């Protein structure tokens, strides 16, 4: 049975899968920006940029706030922290597995070396 990731994690990884959205996050990490400024920087229509921002907001990666007629966006670490925690947990699991594999290879090599010494 295929097990899916928790929904917030799915949303974060889906949002990060798009190069434009990753670029928007990198841009917002430097400073808050309006949707208009982001659209201009990335060569998108306002509607296109709004769609990207909505995906980032749903993933908890961006927060936007309307001030007068301008919607300003800023980075929110909530979604990124969840993704980073999941990645770190997976890294630890694989690091332990590679350590076990390395130990096994070392044992096999030692046995092989001992076998060659007996043959001599």
PDB file of N, CA and C in Angstrom:
ATOM      1  N   UNK A   1       0.841  -1.183   0.000  1.00  0.00           N
ATOM      2  CA  UNK A   1       0.000   0.000   0.000  1.00  0.00           C
ATOM      3  C   UNK A   1       0.886   1.246   0.000  1.00  0.00           C
ATOM      4  N   UNK A   2       0.565   2.178  -0.864  1.00  0.00           N
ATOM      5  CA  UNK A   2       1.320   3.421  -0.954  1.00  0.00           C
ATOM      6  C   UNK A   2       0.856   4.351   0.151  1.00  0.00           C
ATOM      7  N   UNK A   3       1.827   4.875   0.890  1.00  0.00           N
ATOM      8  CA  UNK A   3       1.509   5.797   1.975  1.00  0.00           C
ATOM      9  C   UNK A   3       1.856   7.198   1.508  1.00  0.00           C
ATOM     10  N   UNK A   4       0.940   8.123   1.662  1.00  0.00           N
ATOM     11  CA  UNK A   4       1.217   9.489   1.234  1.00  0.00           C
ATOM     12  C   UNK A   4       1.730  10.314   2.404  1.00  0.00           C
ATOM     13  N   UNK A   5       2.401  11.392   2.052  1.00  0.00           N
ATOM     14  CA  UNK A   5       2.901  12.321   3.060  1.00  0.00           C
ATOM     15  C   UNK A   5       1.721  13.067   3.672  1.00  0.00           C
ATOM     16  N   UNK A   6       1.885  13.586   4.877  1.00  0.00           N
ATOM     17  CA  UNK A   6       0.819  14.417   5.448  1.00  0.00           C
ATOM     18  C   UNK A   6       0.523  15.597   4.525  1.00  0.00           C
ATOM     19  N   UNK A   7      -0.714  16.021   4.475  1.00  0.00           N
ATOM     20  CA  UNK A   7      -1.133  17.053   3.532  1.00  0.00           C
ATOM     21  C   UNK A   7      -0.294  18.324   3.547  1.00  0.00           C
ATOM     22  N   UNK A   8       0.039  18.916   4.698  1.00  0.00           N
ATOM     23  CA  UNK A   8       0.862  20.126   4.653  1.00  0.00           C
ATOM     24  C   UNK A   8       2.218  19.880   3.990  1.00  0.00           C
ATOM     25  N   UNK A   9       2.769  18.710   4.214  1.00  0.00           N
ATOM     26  CA  UNK A   9       4.048  18.370   3.605  1.00  0.00           C
ATOM     27  C   UNK A   9       3.890  18.199   2.097  1.00  0.00           C
ATOM     28  N   UNK A  10       2.798  17.566   1.668  1.00  0.00           N
ATOM     29  CA  UNK A  10       2.509  17.434   0.239  1.00  0.00           C
ATOM     30  C   UNK A  10       2.447  18.815  -0.406  1.00  0.00           C
ATOM     31  N   UNK A  11       1.749  19.726   0.242  1.00  0.00           N
ATOM     32  CA  UNK A  11       1.586  21.075  -0.303  1.00  0.00           C
ATOM     33  C   UNK A  11       2.924  21.790  -0.403  1.00  0.00           C
ATOM     34  N   UNK A  12       3.769  21.638   0.606  1.00  0.00           N
ATOM     35  CA  UNK A  12       5.081  22.301   0.586  1.00  0.00           C
ATOM     36  C   UNK A  12       5.938  21.764  -0.552  1.00  0.00           C
ATOM     37  N   UNK A  13       6.003  20.436  -0.688  1.00  0.00           N
ATOM     38  CA  UNK A  13       6.829  19.863  -1.752  1.00  0.00           C
ATOM     39  C   UNK A  13       6.256  20.162  -3.135  1.00  0.00           C
ATOM     40  N   UNK A  14       4.938  20.156  -3.268  1.00  0.00           N
ATOM     41  CA  UNK A  14       4.320  20.498  -4.549  1.00  0.00           C
ATOM     42  C   UNK A  14       4.636  21.947  -4.918  1.00  0.00           C
ATOM     43  N   UNK A  15       4.568  22.835  -3.938  1.00  0.00           N
ATOM     44  CA  UNK A  15       4.879  24.244  -4.194  1.00  0.00           C
ATOM     45  C   UNK A  15       6.342  24.419  -4.580  1.00  0.00           C
ATOM     46  N   UNK A  16       7.224  23.705  -3.903  1.00  0.00           N
ATOM     47  CA  UNK A  16       8.659  23.825  -4.168  1.00  0.00           C
ATOM     48  C   UNK A  16       9.083  23.141  -5.466  1.00  0.00           C
ATOM     49  N   UNK A  17       8.201  22.338  -6.047  1.00  0.00           N
ATOM     50  CA  UNK A  17       8.532  21.633  -7.284  1.00  0.00           C
ATOM     51  C   UNK A  17       8.582  22.572  -8.487  1.00  0.00           C
ATOM     52  N   UNK A  18       8.030  23.759  -8.356  1.00  0.00           N
ATOM     53  CA  UNK A  18       7.984  24.709  -9.464  1.00  0.00           C
ATOM     54  C   UNK A  18       9.113  25.729  -9.349  1.00  0.00           C
ATOM     55  N   UNK A  19       9.873  25.898 -10.427  1.00  0.00           N
ATOM     56  CA  UNK A  19      11.032  26.803 -10.420  1.00  0.00           C
ATOM     57  C   UNK A  19      10.629  28.256 -10.156  1.00  0.00           C
ATOM     58  N   UNK A  20       9.508  28.692 -10.708  1.00  0.00           N
ATOM     59  CA  UNK A  20       9.071  30.073 -10.480  1.00  0.00           C
ATOM     60  C   UNK A  20       8.767  30.299  -9.010  1.00  0.00           C
ATOM     61  N   UNK A  21       8.081  29.358  -8.389  1.00  0.00           N
ATOM     62  CA  UNK A  21       7.753  29.524  -6.973  1.00  0.00           C
ATOM     63  C   UNK A  21       9.011  29.495  -6.105  1.00  0.00           C
ATOM     64  N   UNK A  22       9.976  28.653  -6.466  1.00  0.00           N
ATOM     65  CA  UNK A  22      11.249  28.673  -5.722  1.00  0.00           C
ATOM     66  C   UNK A  22      11.927  30.030  -5.892  1.00  0.00           C
ATOM     67  N   UNK A  23      11.859  30.581  -7.090  1.00  0.00           N
ATOM     68  CA  UNK A  23      12.430  31.905  -7.335  1.00  0.00           C
ATOM     69  C   UNK A  23      11.734  32.982  -6.525  1.00  0.00           C
ATOM     70  N   UNK A  24      10.417  32.896  -6.430  1.00  0.00           N
ATOM     71  CA  UNK A  24       9.651  33.858  -5.625  1.00  0.00           C
ATOM     72  C   UNK A  24      10.082  33.765  -4.166  1.00  0.00           C
ATOM     73  N   UNK A  25      10.237  32.545  -3.657  1.00  0.00           N
ATOM     74  CA  UNK A  25      10.692  32.380  -2.266  1.00  0.00           C
ATOM     75  C   UNK A  25      12.073  32.987  -2.061  1.00  0.00           C
ATOM     76  N   UNK A  26      12.981  32.745  -3.009  1.00  0.00           N
ATOM     77  CA  UNK A  26      14.328  33.319  -2.898  1.00  0.00           C
ATOM     78  C   UNK A  26      14.262  34.840  -2.902  1.00  0.00           C
ATOM     79  N   UNK A  27      13.406  35.390  -3.759  1.00  0.00           N
ATOM     80  CA  UNK A  27      13.256  36.850  -3.835  1.00  0.00           C
ATOM     81  C   UNK A  27      12.674  37.402  -2.537  1.00  0.00           C
ATOM     82  N   UNK A  28      11.657  36.733  -2.002  1.00  0.00           N
ATOM     83  CA  UNK A  28      11.029  37.207  -0.771  1.00  0.00           C
ATOM     84  C   UNK A  28      11.923  37.008   0.448  1.00  0.00           C
ATOM     85  N   UNK A  29      12.866  36.101   0.371  1.00  0.00           N
ATOM     86  CA  UNK A  29      13.811  35.919   1.481  1.00  0.00           C
ATOM     87  C   UNK A  29      14.683  37.159   1.644  1.00  0.00           C
ATOM     88  N   UNK A  30      14.892  37.893   0.548  1.00  0.00           N
ATOM     89  CA  UNK A  30      15.694  39.126   0.619  1.00  0.00           C
ATOM     90  C   UNK A  30      14.876  40.303   1.135  1.00  0.00           C
ATOM     91  N   UNK A  31      13.602  40.378   0.715  1.00  0.00           N
ATOM     92  CA  UNK A  31      12.740  41.491   1.148  1.00  0.00           C
ATOM     93  C   UNK A  31      11.302  41.215   0.726  1.00  0.00           C
ATOM     94  N   UNK A  32      10.362  41.753   1.489  1.00  0.00           N
ATOM     95  CA  UNK A  32       8.949  41.647   1.129  1.00  0.00           C
ATOM     96  C   UNK A  32       8.745  42.317  -0.228  1.00  0.00           C
ATOM     97  N   UNK A  33       7.704  41.894  -0.945  1.00  0.00           N
ATOM     98  CA  UNK A  33       7.435  42.485  -2.258  1.00  0.00           C
ATOM     99  C   UNK A  33       5.951  42.398  -2.565  1.00  0.00           C
ATOM    100  N   UNK A  34       5.490  43.311  -3.391  1.00  0.00           N
ATOM    101  CA  UNK A  34       4.096  43.283  -3.832  1.00  0.00           C
ATOM    102  C   UNK A  34       3.955  42.257  -4.951  1.00  0.00           C
ATOM    103  N   UNK A  35       2.739  41.806  -5.155  1.00  0.00           N
ATOM    104  CA  UNK A  35       2.483  40.868  -6.249  1.00  0.00           C
ATOM    105  C   UNK A  35       2.818  41.529  -7.579  1.00  0.00           C
ATOM    106  N   UNK A  36       2.550  42.823  -7.695  1.00  0.00           N
ATOM    107  CA  UNK A  36       2.870  43.551  -8.924  1.00  0.00           C
ATOM    108  C   UNK A  36       4.373  43.520  -9.197  1.00  0.00           C
ATOM    109  N   UNK A  37       5.177  43.775  -8.165  1.00  0.00           N
ATOM    110  CA  UNK A  37       6.635  43.758  -8.330  1.00  0.00           C
ATOM    111  C   UNK A  37       7.128  42.356  -8.678  1.00  0.00           C
ATOM    112  N   UNK A  38       6.564  41.354  -8.032  1.00  0.00           N
ATOM    113  CA  UNK A  38       6.964  39.972  -8.322  1.00  0.00           C
ATOM    114  C   UNK A  38       6.602  39.593  -9.752  1.00  0.00           C
ATOM    115  N   UNK A  39       5.398  39.968 -10.180  1.00  0.00           N
ATOM    116  CA  UNK A  39       4.961  39.659 -11.546  1.00  0.00           C
ATOM    117  C   UNK A  39       5.902  40.292 -12.561  1.00  0.00           C
ATOM    118  N   UNK A  40       6.277  41.547 -12.322  1.00  0.00           N
ATOM    119  CA  UNK A  40       7.192  42.235 -13.236  1.00  0.00           C
ATOM    120  C   UNK A  40       8.557  41.555 -13.258  1.00  0.00           C
ATOM    121  N   UNK A  41       9.069  41.204 -12.103  1.00  0.00           N
ATOM    122  CA  UNK A  41      10.392  40.588 -12.020  1.00  0.00           C
ATOM    123  C   UNK A  41      10.435  39.238 -12.734  1.00  0.00           C
ATOM    124  N   UNK A  42       9.346  38.475 -12.645  1.00  0.00           N
ATOM    125  CA  UNK A  42       9.334  37.138 -13.236  1.00  0.00           C
ATOM    126  C   UNK A  42       8.680  37.097 -14.616  1.00  0.00           C
ATOM    127  N   UNK A  43       8.278  38.262 -15.122  1.00  0.00           N
ATOM    128  CA  UNK A  43       7.686  38.326 -16.456  1.00  0.00           C
ATOM    129  C   UNK A  43       6.344  37.621 -16.561  1.00  0.00           C
ATOM    130  N   UNK A  44       5.557  37.704 -15.504  1.00  0.00           N
ATOM    131  CA  UNK A  44       4.244  37.061 -15.476  1.00  0.00           C
ATOM    132  C   UNK A  44       3.140  38.100 -15.401  1.00  0.00           C
ATOM    133  N   UNK A  45       1.934  37.679 -15.744  1.00  0.00           N
ATOM    134  CA  UNK A  45       0.780  38.547 -15.550  1.00  0.00           C
ATOM    135  C   UNK A  45       0.454  38.580 -14.058  1.00  0.00           C
ATOM    136  N   UNK A  46      -0.327  39.567 -13.655  1.00  0.00           N
ATOM    137  CA  UNK A  46      -0.753  39.630 -12.252  1.00  0.00           C
ATOM    138  C   UNK A  46      -1.540  38.376 -11.872  1.00  0.00           C
ATOM    139  N   UNK A  47      -2.396  37.920 -12.783  1.00  0.00           N
ATOM    140  CA  UNK A  47      -3.189  36.716 -12.517  1.00  0.00           C
ATOM    141  C   UNK A  47      -2.284  35.503 -12.330  1.00  0.00           C
ATOM    142  N   UNK A  48      -1.287  35.371 -13.177  1.00  0.00           N
ATOM    143  CA  UNK A  48      -0.348  34.252 -13.062  1.00  0.00           C
ATOM    144  C   UNK A  48       0.417  34.281 -11.748  1.00  0.00           C
ATOM    145  N   UNK A  49       0.874  35.474 -11.361  1.00  0.00           N
ATOM    146  CA  UNK A  49       1.624  35.580 -10.106  1.00  0.00           C
ATOM    147  C   UNK A  49       0.709  35.337  -8.909  1.00  0.00           C
ATOM    148  N   UNK A  50      -0.533  35.805  -8.980  1.00  0.00           N
ATOM    149  CA  UNK A  50      -1.477  35.543  -7.881  1.00  0.00           C
ATOM    150  C   UNK A  50      -1.668  34.044  -7.672  1.00  0.00           C
ATOM    151  N   UNK A  51      -1.734  33.297  -8.774  1.00  0.00           N
ATOM    152  CA  UNK A  51      -1.892  31.840  -8.669  1.00  0.00           C
ATOM    153  C   UNK A  51      -0.689  31.222  -7.964  1.00  0.00           C
ATOM    154  N   UNK A  52       0.505  31.653  -8.346  1.00  0.00           N
ATOM    155  CA  UNK A  52       1.713  31.137  -7.692  1.00  0.00           C
ATOM    156  C   UNK A  52       1.711  31.487  -6.202  1.00  0.00           C
ATOM    157  N   UNK A  53       1.337  32.708  -5.880  1.00  0.00           N
ATOM    158  CA  UNK A  53       1.317  33.144  -4.479  1.00  0.00           C
ATOM    159  C   UNK A  53       0.283  32.345  -3.687  1.00  0.00           C
ATOM    160  N   UNK A  54      -0.872  32.060  -4.289  1.00  0.00           N
ATOM    161  CA  UNK A  54      -1.888  31.251  -3.594  1.00  0.00           C
ATOM    162  C   UNK A  54      -1.359  29.855  -3.265  1.00  0.00           C
ATOM    163  N   UNK A  55      -0.625  29.258  -4.197  1.00  0.00           N
ATOM    164  CA  UNK A  55      -0.047  27.928  -3.949  1.00  0.00           C
ATOM    165  C   UNK A  55       0.959  28.010  -2.806  1.00  0.00           C
ATOM    166  N   UNK A  56       1.796  29.045  -2.820  1.00  0.00           N
ATOM    167  CA  UNK A  56       2.791  29.229  -1.756  1.00  0.00           C
ATOM    168  C   UNK A  56       2.118  29.490  -0.410  1.00  0.00           C
ATOM    169  N   UNK A  57       1.025  30.246  -0.421  1.00  0.00           N
ATOM    170  CA  UNK A  57       0.287  30.503   0.825  1.00  0.00           C
ATOM    171  C   UNK A  57      -0.344  29.219   1.361  1.00  0.00           C
ATOM    172  N   UNK A  58      -0.940  28.432   0.480  1.00  0.00           N
ATOM    173  CA  UNK A  58      -1.583  27.180   0.900  1.00  0.00           C
ATOM    174  C   UNK A  58      -0.566  26.216   1.511  1.00  0.00           C
ATOM    175  N   UNK A  59       0.683  26.316   1.060  1.00  0.00           N
ATOM    176  CA  UNK A  59       1.749  25.456   1.580  1.00  0.00           C
ATOM    177  C   UNK A  59       2.374  26.014   2.849  1.00  0.00           C
ATOM    178  N   UNK A  60       1.957  27.201   3.263  1.00  0.00           N
ATOM    179  CA  UNK A  60       2.523  27.814   4.464  1.00  0.00           C
ATOM    180  C   UNK A  60       3.907  28.395   4.244  1.00  0.00           C
ATOM    181  N   UNK A  61       4.253  28.650   2.980  1.00  0.00           N
ATOM    182  CA  UNK A  61       5.579  29.178   2.658  1.00  0.00           C
ATOM    183  C   UNK A  61       5.592  30.699   2.541  1.00  0.00           C
ATOM    184  N   UNK A  62       4.429  31.273   2.255  1.00  0.00           N
ATOM    185  CA  UNK A  62       4.311  32.722   2.051  1.00  0.00           C
ATOM    186  C   UNK A  62       3.040  33.210   2.738  1.00  0.00           C
ATOM    187  N   UNK A  63       3.105  34.433   3.224  1.00  0.00           N
ATOM    188  CA  UNK A  63       1.937  35.114   3.777  1.00  0.00           C
ATOM    189  C   UNK A  63       1.784  36.409   2.992  1.00  0.00           C
ATOM    190  N   UNK A  64       0.561  36.734   2.612  1.00  0.00           N
ATOM    191  CA  UNK A  64       0.343  38.012   1.933  1.00  0.00           C
ATOM    192  C   UNK A  64      -0.665  38.828   2.722  1.00  0.00           C
ATOM    193  N   UNK A  65      -0.521  40.125   2.599  1.00  0.00           N
ATOM    194  CA  UNK A  65      -1.375  41.045   3.350  1.00  0.00           C
ATOM    195  C   UNK A  65      -1.738  42.207   2.438  1.00  0.00           C
ATOM    196  N   UNK A  66      -3.008  42.546   2.429  1.00  0.00           N
ATOM    197  CA  UNK A  66      -3.448  43.652   1.595  1.00  0.00           C
ATOM    198  C   UNK A  66      -3.381  44.941   2.397  1.00  0.00           C
ATOM    199  N   UNK A  67      -2.634  45.895   1.867  1.00  0.00           N
ATOM    200  CA  UNK A  67      -2.521  47.231   2.469  1.00  0.00           C
ATOM    201  C   UNK A  67      -3.018  48.228   1.436  1.00  0.00           C
ATOM    202  N   UNK A  68      -4.215  48.715   1.660  1.00  0.00           N
ATOM    203  CA  UNK A  68      -4.812  49.593   0.654  1.00  0.00           C
ATOM    204  C   UNK A  68      -5.108  48.782  -0.593  1.00  0.00           C
ATOM    205  N   UNK A  69      -4.528  49.200  -1.714  1.00  0.00           N
ATOM    206  CA  UNK A  69      -4.746  48.487  -2.973  1.00  0.00           C
ATOM    207  C   UNK A  69      -3.586  47.559  -3.315  1.00  0.00           C
ATOM    208  N   UNK A  70      -2.610  47.467  -2.431  1.00  0.00           N
ATOM    209  CA  UNK A  70      -1.408  46.673  -2.716  1.00  0.00           C
ATOM    210  C   UNK A  70      -1.374  45.430  -1.830  1.00  0.00           C
ATOM    211  N   UNK A  71      -1.173  44.275  -2.452  1.00  0.00           N
ATOM    212  CA  UNK A  71      -1.009  43.025  -1.701  1.00  0.00           C
ATOM    213  C   UNK A  71       0.484  42.735  -1.620  1.00  0.00           C
ATOM    214  N   UNK A  72       0.998  42.746  -0.377  1.00  0.00           N
ATOM    215  CA  UNK A  72       2.422  42.530  -0.130  1.00  0.00           C
ATOM    216  C   UNK A  72       2.641  41.118   0.399  1.00  0.00           C
ATOM    217  N   UNK A  73       3.686  40.486  -0.100  1.00  0.00           N
ATOM    218  CA  UNK A  73       4.008  39.102   0.278  1.00  0.00           C
ATOM    219  C   UNK A  73       5.295  39.066   1.083  1.00  0.00           C
ATOM    220  N   UNK A  74       5.347  38.094   2.007  1.00  0.00           N
ATOM    221  CA  UNK A  74       6.577  37.859   2.762  1.00  0.00           C
ATOM    222  C   UNK A  74       6.702  36.368   3.029  1.00  0.00           C
ATOM    223  N   UNK A  75       7.905  35.943   3.306  1.00  0.00           N
ATOM    224  CA  UNK A  75       8.174  34.528   3.569  1.00  0.00           C
ATOM    225  C   UNK A  75       7.619  34.139   4.930  1.00  0.00           C
ATOM    226  N   UNK A  76       7.078  32.935   4.995  1.00  0.00           N
ATOM    227  CA  UNK A  76       6.637  32.339   6.254  1.00  0.00           C
ATOM    228  C   UNK A  76       7.380  31.020   6.387  1.00  0.00           C
ATOM    229  N   UNK A  77       8.075  30.831   7.484  1.00  0.00           N
ATOM    230  CA  UNK A  77       8.880  29.631   7.653  1.00  0.00           C
ATOM    231  C   UNK A  77       8.100  28.384   7.998  1.00  0.00           C
ATOM    232  N   UNK A  78       6.802  28.501   8.239  1.00  0.00           N
ATOM    233  CA  UNK A  78       5.991  27.376   8.707  1.00  0.00           C
ATOM    234  C   UNK A  78       6.099  26.158   7.788  1.00  0.00           C
ATOM    235  N   UNK A  79       5.808  26.314   6.524  1.00  0.00           N
ATOM    236  CA  UNK A  79       5.844  25.186   5.591  1.00  0.00           C
ATOM    237  C   UNK A  79       7.243  24.678   5.342  1.00  0.00           C
ATOM    238  N   UNK A  80       8.194  25.590   5.294  1.00  0.00           N
ATOM    239  CA  UNK A  80       9.579  25.208   5.050  1.00  0.00           C
ATOM    240  C   UNK A  80      10.148  24.429   6.230  1.00  0.00           C
ATOM    241  N   UNK A  81       9.771  24.807   7.435  1.00  0.00           N
ATOM    242  CA  UNK A  81      10.243  24.087   8.628  1.00  0.00           C
ATOM    243  C   UNK A  81       9.738  22.652   8.634  1.00  0.00           C
ATOM    244  N   UNK A  82       8.491  22.449   8.232  1.00  0.00           N
ATOM    245  CA  UNK A  82       7.939  21.091   8.181  1.00  0.00           C
ATOM    246  C   UNK A  82       8.680  20.252   7.145  1.00  0.00           C
ATOM    247  N   UNK A  83       8.941  20.833   5.979  1.00  0.00           N
ATOM    248  CA  UNK A  83       9.667  20.106   4.932  1.00  0.00           C
ATOM    249  C   UNK A  83      11.095  19.809   5.376  1.00  0.00           C
ATOM    250  N   UNK A  84      11.743  20.783   5.991  1.00  0.00           N
ATOM    251  CA  UNK A  84      13.122  20.589   6.459  1.00  0.00           C
ATOM    252  C   UNK A  84      13.191  19.511   7.539  1.00  0.00           C
ATOM    253  N   UNK A  85      12.208  19.472   8.423  1.00  0.00           N
ATOM    254  CA  UNK A  85      12.185  18.455   9.480  1.00  0.00           C
ATOM    255  C   UNK A  85      12.011  17.065   8.880  1.00  0.00           C
ATOM    256  N   UNK A  86      11.150  16.939   7.876  1.00  0.00           N
ATOM    257  CA  UNK A  86      10.943  15.644   7.225  1.00  0.00           C
ATOM    258  C   UNK A  86      12.223  15.199   6.510  1.00  0.00           C
ATOM    259  N   UNK A  87      12.849  16.126   5.795  1.00  0.00           N
ATOM    260  CA  UNK A  87      14.093  15.805   5.086  1.00  0.00           C
ATOM    261  C   UNK A  87      15.171  15.386   6.079  1.00  0.00           C
ATOM    262  N   UNK A  88      15.282  16.078   7.187  1.00  0.00           N
ATOM    263  CA  UNK A  88      16.291  15.736   8.200  1.00  0.00           C
ATOM    264  C   UNK A  88      16.040  14.346   8.776  1.00  0.00           C
ATOM    265  N   UNK A  89      14.788  14.011   9.031  1.00  0.00           N
ATOM    266  CA  UNK A  89      14.467  12.675   9.550  1.00  0.00           C
ATOM    267  C   UNK A  89      14.863  11.602   8.538  1.00  0.00           C
ATOM    268  N   UNK A  90      14.589  11.860   7.260  1.00  0.00           N
ATOM    269  CA  UNK A  90      14.973  10.898   6.216  1.00  0.00           C
ATOM    270  C   UNK A  90      16.492  10.797   6.099  1.00  0.00           C
ATOM    271  N   UNK A  91      17.184  11.922   6.226  1.00  0.00           N
ATOM    272  CA  UNK A  91      18.647  11.925   6.154  1.00  0.00           C
ATOM    273  C   UNK A  91      19.232  11.053   7.257  1.00  0.00           C
ATOM    274  N   UNK A  92      18.690  11.177   8.456  1.00  0.00           N
ATOM    275  CA  UNK A  92      19.192  10.383   9.582  1.00  0.00           C
ATOM    276  C   UNK A  92      18.967   8.889   9.356  1.00  0.00           C
ATOM    277  N   UNK A  93      17.808   8.542   8.825  1.00  0.00           N
ATOM    278  CA  UNK A  93      17.518   7.131   8.533  1.00  0.00           C
ATOM    279  C   UNK A  93      18.520   6.590   7.520  1.00  0.00           C
ATOM    280  N   UNK A  94      18.728   7.326   6.439  1.00  0.00           N
ATOM    281  CA  UNK A  94      19.634   6.846   5.396  1.00  0.00           C
ATOM    282  C   UNK A  94      21.083   6.866   5.846  1.00  0.00           C
ATOM    283  N   UNK A  95      21.441   7.813   6.665  1.00  0.00           N
ATOM    284  CA  UNK A  95      22.804   7.841   7.201  1.00  0.00           C
ATOM    285  C   UNK A  95      23.062   6.585   8.034  1.00  0.00           C
ATOM    286  N   UNK A  96      22.087   6.186   8.838  1.00  0.00           N
ATOM    287  CA  UNK A  96      22.221   4.962   9.643  1.00  0.00           C
ATOM    288  C   UNK A  96      22.307   3.733   8.742  1.00  0.00           C
ATOM    289  N   UNK A  97      21.506   3.695   7.699  1.00  0.00           N
ATOM    290  CA  UNK A  97      21.538   2.549   6.777  1.00  0.00           C
ATOM    291  C   UNK A  97      22.875   2.470   6.047  1.00  0.00           C
ATOM    292  N   UNK A  98      23.382   3.600   5.608  1.00  0.00           N
ATOM    293  CA  UNK A  98      24.684   3.594   4.936  1.00  0.00           C
ATOM    294  C   UNK A  98      25.786   3.183   5.902  1.00  0.00           C
ATOM    295  N   UNK A  99      25.655   3.574   7.163  1.00  0.00           N
ATOM    296  CA  UNK A  99      26.621   3.149   8.179  1.00  0.00           C
ATOM    297  C   UNK A  99      26.602   1.639   8.350  1.00  0.00           C
ATOM    298  N   UNK A 100      25.405   1.054   8.364  1.00  0.00           N
ATOM    299  CA  UNK A 100      25.280  -0.403   8.475  1.00  0.00           C
ATOM    300  C   UNK A 100      25.872  -1.092   7.247  1.00  0.00           C
ATOM    301  N   UNK A 101      25.613  -0.541   6.074  1.00  0.00           N
ATOM    302  CA  UNK A 101      26.157  -1.106   4.839  1.00  0.00           C
ATOM    303  C   UNK A 101      27.679  -1.028   4.833  1.00  0.00           C
ATOM    304  N   UNK A 102      28.209   0.094   5.273  1.00  0.00           N
ATOM    305  CA  UNK A 102      29.659   0.273   5.345  1.00  0.00           C
ATOM    306  C   UNK A 102      30.283  -0.755   6.289  1.00  0.00           C
ATOM    307  N   UNK A 103      29.644  -0.994   7.431  1.00  0.00           N
ATOM    308  CA  UNK A 103      30.146  -1.984   8.388  1.00  0.00           C
ATOM    309  C   UNK A 103      30.112  -3.383   7.781  1.00  0.00           C
ATOM    310  N   UNK A 104      29.051  -3.713   7.065  1.00  0.00           N
ATOM    311  CA  UNK A 104      28.935  -5.023   6.428  1.00  0.00           C
ATOM    312  C   UNK A 104      30.009  -5.209   5.364  1.00  0.00           C
ATOM    313  N   UNK A 105      30.218  -4.201   4.555  1.00  0.00           N
ATOM    314  CA  UNK A 105      31.264  -4.276   3.524  1.00  0.00           C
ATOM    315  C   UNK A 105      32.626  -4.458   4.183  1.00  0.00           C
ATOM    316  N   UNK A 106      32.863  -3.755   5.278  1.00  0.00           N
ATOM    317  CA  UNK A 106      34.127  -3.907   6.010  1.00  0.00           C
ATOM    318  C   UNK A 106      34.313  -5.322   6.522  1.00  0.00           C
ATOM    319  N   UNK A 107      33.247  -5.917   7.061  1.00  0.00           N
ATOM    320  CA  UNK A 107      33.317  -7.298   7.560  1.00  0.00           C
ATOM    321  C   UNK A 107      33.593  -8.275   6.421  1.00  0.00           C
ATOM    322  N   UNK A 108      32.896  -8.105   5.309  1.00  0.00           N
ATOM    323  CA  UNK A 108      33.091  -8.998   4.164  1.00  0.00           C
ATOM    324  C   UNK A 108      34.506  -8.887   3.609  1.00  0.00           C
ATOM    325  N   UNK A 109      35.011  -7.668   3.557  1.00  0.00           N
ATOM    326  CA  UNK A 109      36.373  -7.464   3.059  1.00  0.00           C
ATOM    327  C   UNK A 109      37.377  -8.132   4.000  1.00  0.00           C
ATOM    328  N   UNK A 110      37.144  -8.001   5.297  1.00  0.00           N
ATOM    329  CA  UNK A 110      38.032  -8.608   6.296  1.00  0.00           C
ATOM    330  C   UNK A 110      38.015 -10.132   6.154  1.00  0.00           C
ATOM    331  N   UNK A 111      36.812 -10.711   5.986  1.00  0.00           N
ATOM    332  CA  UNK A 111      36.699 -12.160   5.793  1.00  0.00           C
ATOM    333  C   UNK A 111      37.418 -12.599   4.521  1.00  0.00           C
ATOM    334  N   UNK A 112      37.256 -11.811   3.474  1.00  0.00           N
ATOM    335  CA  UNK A 112      37.909 -12.134   2.202  1.00  0.00           C
ATOM    336  C   UNK A 112      39.423 -12.062   2.344  1.00  0.00           C
ATOM    337  N   UNK A 113      39.919 -11.038   3.023  1.00  0.00           N
ATOM    338  CA  UNK A 113      41.364 -10.903   3.243  1.00  0.00           C
ATOM    339  C   UNK A 113      41.889 -12.063   4.082  1.00  0.00           C
ATOM    340  N   UNK A 114      41.155 -12.474   5.112  1.00  0.00           N
ATOM    341  CA  UNK A 114      41.557 -13.609   5.953  1.00  0.00           C
ATOM    342  C   UNK A 114      41.573 -14.898   5.145  1.00  0.00           C
ATOM    343  N   UNK A 115      40.649 -15.069   4.228  1.00  0.00           N
ATOM    344  CA  UNK A 115      40.603 -16.252   3.374  1.00  0.00           C
ATOM    345  C   UNK A 115      41.794 -16.323   2.454  1.00  0.00           C
ATOM    346  N   UNK A 116      42.230 -15.174   1.929  1.00  0.00           N
ATOM    347  CA  UNK A 116      43.401 -15.141   1.049  1.00  0.00           C
ATOM    348  C   UNK A 116      44.670 -15.456   1.825  1.00  0.00           C
ATOM    349  N   UNK A 117      44.750 -15.027   3.069  1.00  0.00           N
ATOM    350  CA  UNK A 117      45.947 -15.279   3.882  1.00  0.00           C
ATOM    351  C   UNK A 117      46.083 -16.769   4.186  1.00  0.00           C
ATOM    352  N   UNK A 118      44.955 -17.454   4.401  1.00  0.00           N
ATOM    353  CA  UNK A 118      44.998 -18.888   4.689  1.00  0.00           C
ATOM    354  C   UNK A 118      45.439 -19.675   3.460  1.00  0.00           C
ATOM    355  N   UNK A 119      45.050 -19.187   2.274  1.00  0.00           N
ATOM    356  CA  UNK A 119      45.399 -19.880   1.039  1.00  0.00           C
ATOM    357  C   UNK A 119      46.889 -19.782   0.733  1.00  0.00           C
ATOM    358  N   UNK A 120      47.537 -18.776   1.246  1.00  0.00           N
ATOM    359  CA  UNK A 120      48.955 -18.551   0.924  1.00  0.00           C
ATOM    360  C   UNK A 120      49.813 -19.453   1.656  1.00  0.00           C
TER     361      UNK A 120
END
